[in-house]
């Protein structure tokens, strides 16, 4: 089974990359959306094809205090994922306007989004990180990273108990 972070990144990618109708996309990046921070995006592709979007996890925290049920047993794990949707495009005189336009498209795409498989997850936009890359490129590349906080829960994976170890040893000694 895939890790929950991988499933969430894939859901974000599908939301942005899949057309809403034939030839109609949610953002100017169209289908050029990648669920990775390292993607096959070059300066030439940005020039010819237009913007691209990268989706990646920045960090994840766990809240052990919120992971116990009424009996005092661990039943779930509450996770707080920091996820980034980073749009990149060629810079020019209107680079800030273009970055704001694609940021608005991304925000609109997630305004009513429910993450498949994580329907109880809570998500909100917490930061925008805006940059202009000028080193090792012929033309400046504008980038805007929209940072999302996603709080979701997964089932707790219980550790083996002494009884489990005793049973495993008994099976081993019995040749099972």
Protein backbone atom coordinates (compact mmCIF):
# COMPACT_ATOMS: atom_id res chain seq x y z
CA UNK A 1 0.00 0.00 0.00
CA UNK A 2 1.27 3.48 -0.84
CA UNK A 3 2.18 5.92 1.90
CA UNK A 4 -0.56 8.50 2.63
CA UNK A 5 1.71 11.38 1.55
CA UNK A 6 2.13 9.76 -1.86
CA UNK A 7 -1.64 9.33 -2.19
CA UNK A 8 -2.27 12.95 -1.24
CA UNK A 9 0.32 14.25 -3.72
CA UNK A 10 -1.28 12.13 -6.45
CA UNK A 11 -4.73 13.51 -5.58
CA UNK A 12 -3.41 17.09 -5.78
CA UNK A 13 -1.76 16.31 -9.13
CA UNK A 14 -4.98 14.82 -10.52
CA UNK A 15 -6.98 17.83 -9.34
CA UNK A 16 -4.69 20.21 -11.24
CA UNK A 17 -3.67 18.10 -14.26
CA UNK A 18 -6.91 16.45 -15.32
CA UNK A 19 -9.17 18.49 -17.60
CA UNK A 20 -12.60 19.56 -16.32
CA UNK A 21 -13.92 19.18 -19.89
CA UNK A 22 -12.16 18.25 -23.15
CA UNK A 23 -9.30 20.74 -23.51
CA UNK A 24 -10.32 22.77 -20.43
CA UNK A 25 -7.89 22.84 -17.51
CA UNK A 26 -8.00 24.47 -14.08
CA UNK A 27 -4.68 26.32 -14.56
CA UNK A 28 -2.46 27.73 -17.29
CA UNK A 29 -0.08 24.81 -16.62
CA UNK A 30 -2.71 22.50 -18.13
CA UNK A 31 -1.45 18.89 -17.79
CA UNK A 32 2.15 19.91 -16.98
CA UNK A 33 1.78 19.01 -13.30
CA UNK A 34 4.25 16.73 -11.53
CA UNK A 35 3.95 15.03 -8.12
CA UNK A 36 7.63 15.60 -7.33
CA UNK A 37 10.02 18.43 -6.54
CA UNK A 38 12.33 17.15 -9.29
CA UNK A 39 10.49 17.05 -12.57
CA UNK A 40 11.43 17.13 -16.24
CA UNK A 41 10.93 20.89 -16.59
CA UNK A 42 13.48 22.90 -18.53
CA UNK A 43 13.75 26.55 -19.47
CA UNK A 44 13.04 25.60 -23.09
CA UNK A 45 9.85 23.76 -22.10
CA UNK A 46 8.65 26.72 -20.05
CA UNK A 47 9.30 28.93 -23.09
CA UNK A 48 7.52 26.63 -25.55
CA UNK A 49 4.78 25.03 -23.44
CA UNK A 50 4.12 27.55 -20.70
CA UNK A 51 4.03 27.14 -16.92
CA UNK A 52 4.49 23.92 -14.97
CA UNK A 53 3.49 22.95 -11.44
CA UNK A 54 5.45 20.78 -9.00
CA UNK A 55 3.77 19.16 -5.98
CA UNK A 56 5.87 17.99 -3.07
CA UNK A 57 5.82 17.37 0.66
CA UNK A 58 7.93 19.69 2.78
CA UNK A 59 7.43 18.07 6.19
CA UNK A 60 5.00 16.12 8.34
CA UNK A 61 4.41 16.33 12.09
CA UNK A 62 2.61 13.82 14.29
CA UNK A 63 0.44 14.58 17.29
CA UNK A 64 0.71 11.63 19.66
CA UNK A 65 -1.53 13.36 22.23
CA UNK A 66 -4.48 13.21 19.81
CA UNK A 67 -3.90 9.58 18.83
CA UNK A 68 -5.65 7.77 21.67
CA UNK A 69 -9.23 6.53 21.89
CA UNK A 70 -11.53 6.50 24.92
CA UNK A 71 -10.00 3.31 26.29
CA UNK A 72 -6.53 4.85 26.35
CA UNK A 73 -5.39 2.66 23.46
CA UNK A 74 -3.77 4.14 20.40
CA UNK A 75 -6.35 3.97 17.62
CA UNK A 76 -5.16 6.50 15.06
CA UNK A 77 -2.34 8.85 14.25
CA UNK A 78 -3.07 12.51 13.56
CA UNK A 79 -0.69 13.89 10.96
CA UNK A 80 -0.01 17.47 9.91
CA UNK A 81 1.41 17.53 6.40
CA UNK A 82 3.00 20.60 4.84
CA UNK A 83 2.52 20.29 1.08
CA UNK A 84 3.70 22.70 -1.62
CA UNK A 85 2.18 23.38 -5.04
CA UNK A 86 4.92 25.31 -6.85
CA UNK A 87 4.20 26.98 -10.19
CA UNK A 88 7.09 27.97 -12.45
CA UNK A 89 7.02 30.19 -15.53
CA UNK A 90 9.35 32.33 -17.63
CA UNK A 91 9.91 35.77 -16.19
CA UNK A 92 9.39 39.05 -17.94
CA UNK A 93 8.04 42.50 -17.19
CA UNK A 94 4.77 41.04 -15.90
CA UNK A 95 6.21 38.06 -14.01
CA UNK A 96 4.55 39.08 -10.72
CA UNK A 97 1.16 39.42 -12.40
CA UNK A 98 1.53 36.02 -14.10
CA UNK A 99 2.55 34.38 -10.81
CA UNK A 100 -0.45 35.92 -9.06
CA UNK A 101 -2.73 34.74 -11.87
CA UNK A 102 -1.61 31.11 -11.63
CA UNK A 103 -1.71 31.28 -7.82
CA UNK A 104 -5.32 32.42 -8.08
CA UNK A 105 -6.08 29.48 -10.40
CA UNK A 106 -4.47 27.00 -8.00
CA UNK A 107 -6.30 28.45 -5.00
CA UNK A 108 -9.61 28.26 -6.87
CA UNK A 109 -8.92 24.63 -7.84
CA UNK A 110 -8.67 23.68 -4.16
CA UNK A 111 -11.42 25.92 -2.76
CA UNK A 112 -13.95 23.06 -2.61
CA UNK A 113 -11.53 20.13 -2.84
CA UNK A 114 -12.05 16.97 -0.80
CA UNK A 115 -9.04 14.65 -0.89
CA UNK A 116 -10.17 11.20 -2.13
CA UNK A 117 -9.54 8.61 0.55
CA UNK A 118 -8.99 11.35 3.15
CA UNK A 119 -12.46 12.88 3.21
CA UNK A 120 -12.16 14.03 6.83
CA UNK A 121 -8.86 15.84 6.20
CA UNK A 122 -8.71 19.56 6.87
CA UNK A 123 -6.64 21.68 4.53
CA UNK A 124 -5.83 25.35 4.36
CA UNK A 125 -3.42 27.64 2.59
CA UNK A 126 -0.84 28.92 5.07
CA UNK A 127 1.85 30.64 3.01
CA UNK A 128 2.94 31.82 -0.43
CA UNK A 129 6.64 31.77 -1.24
CA UNK A 130 7.48 33.91 -4.29
CA UNK A 131 10.87 33.83 -5.99
CA UNK A 132 12.72 34.69 -9.18
CA UNK A 133 15.51 32.38 -10.37
CA UNK A 134 18.25 34.19 -12.29
CA UNK A 135 21.29 31.95 -11.82
CA UNK A 136 22.26 29.42 -14.51
CA UNK A 137 19.33 30.36 -16.79
CA UNK A 138 19.17 32.52 -19.91
CA UNK A 139 15.88 34.15 -18.92
CA UNK A 140 14.59 34.62 -15.38
CA UNK A 141 12.16 31.99 -14.12
CA UNK A 142 9.40 33.07 -11.75
CA UNK A 143 8.20 30.64 -9.10
CA UNK A 144 5.42 30.75 -6.55
CA UNK A 145 5.01 28.04 -3.96
CA UNK A 146 1.62 27.80 -2.30
CA UNK A 147 2.11 26.06 1.02
CA UNK A 148 -0.80 23.98 2.33
CA UNK A 149 -1.38 22.56 5.78
CA UNK A 150 -3.24 19.25 5.62
CA UNK A 151 -4.36 17.61 8.86
CA UNK A 152 -5.47 14.01 8.43
CA UNK A 153 -5.60 10.76 10.34
CA UNK A 154 -4.38 7.27 9.61
CA UNK A 155 -4.82 4.03 11.50
CA UNK A 156 -2.33 3.34 14.28
CA UNK A 157 0.08 0.51 13.58
CA UNK A 158 0.32 -1.35 16.89
CA UNK A 159 3.64 -2.75 18.00
CA UNK A 160 4.06 -6.42 18.77
CA UNK A 161 3.31 -7.32 22.38
CA UNK A 162 5.06 -9.88 24.59
CA UNK A 163 2.19 -12.29 23.86
CA UNK A 164 2.78 -11.85 20.10
CA UNK A 165 6.48 -12.59 20.59
CA UNK A 166 5.68 -15.68 22.67
CA UNK A 167 3.28 -16.93 19.99
CA UNK A 168 5.85 -16.28 17.25
CA UNK A 169 8.51 -18.18 19.22
CA UNK A 170 6.13 -21.08 19.82
CA UNK A 171 5.36 -21.22 16.08
CA UNK A 172 9.07 -21.15 15.29
CA UNK A 173 9.88 -23.95 17.75
CA UNK A 174 6.98 -26.00 16.37
CA UNK A 175 8.42 -25.64 12.85
CA UNK A 176 5.57 -23.53 11.54
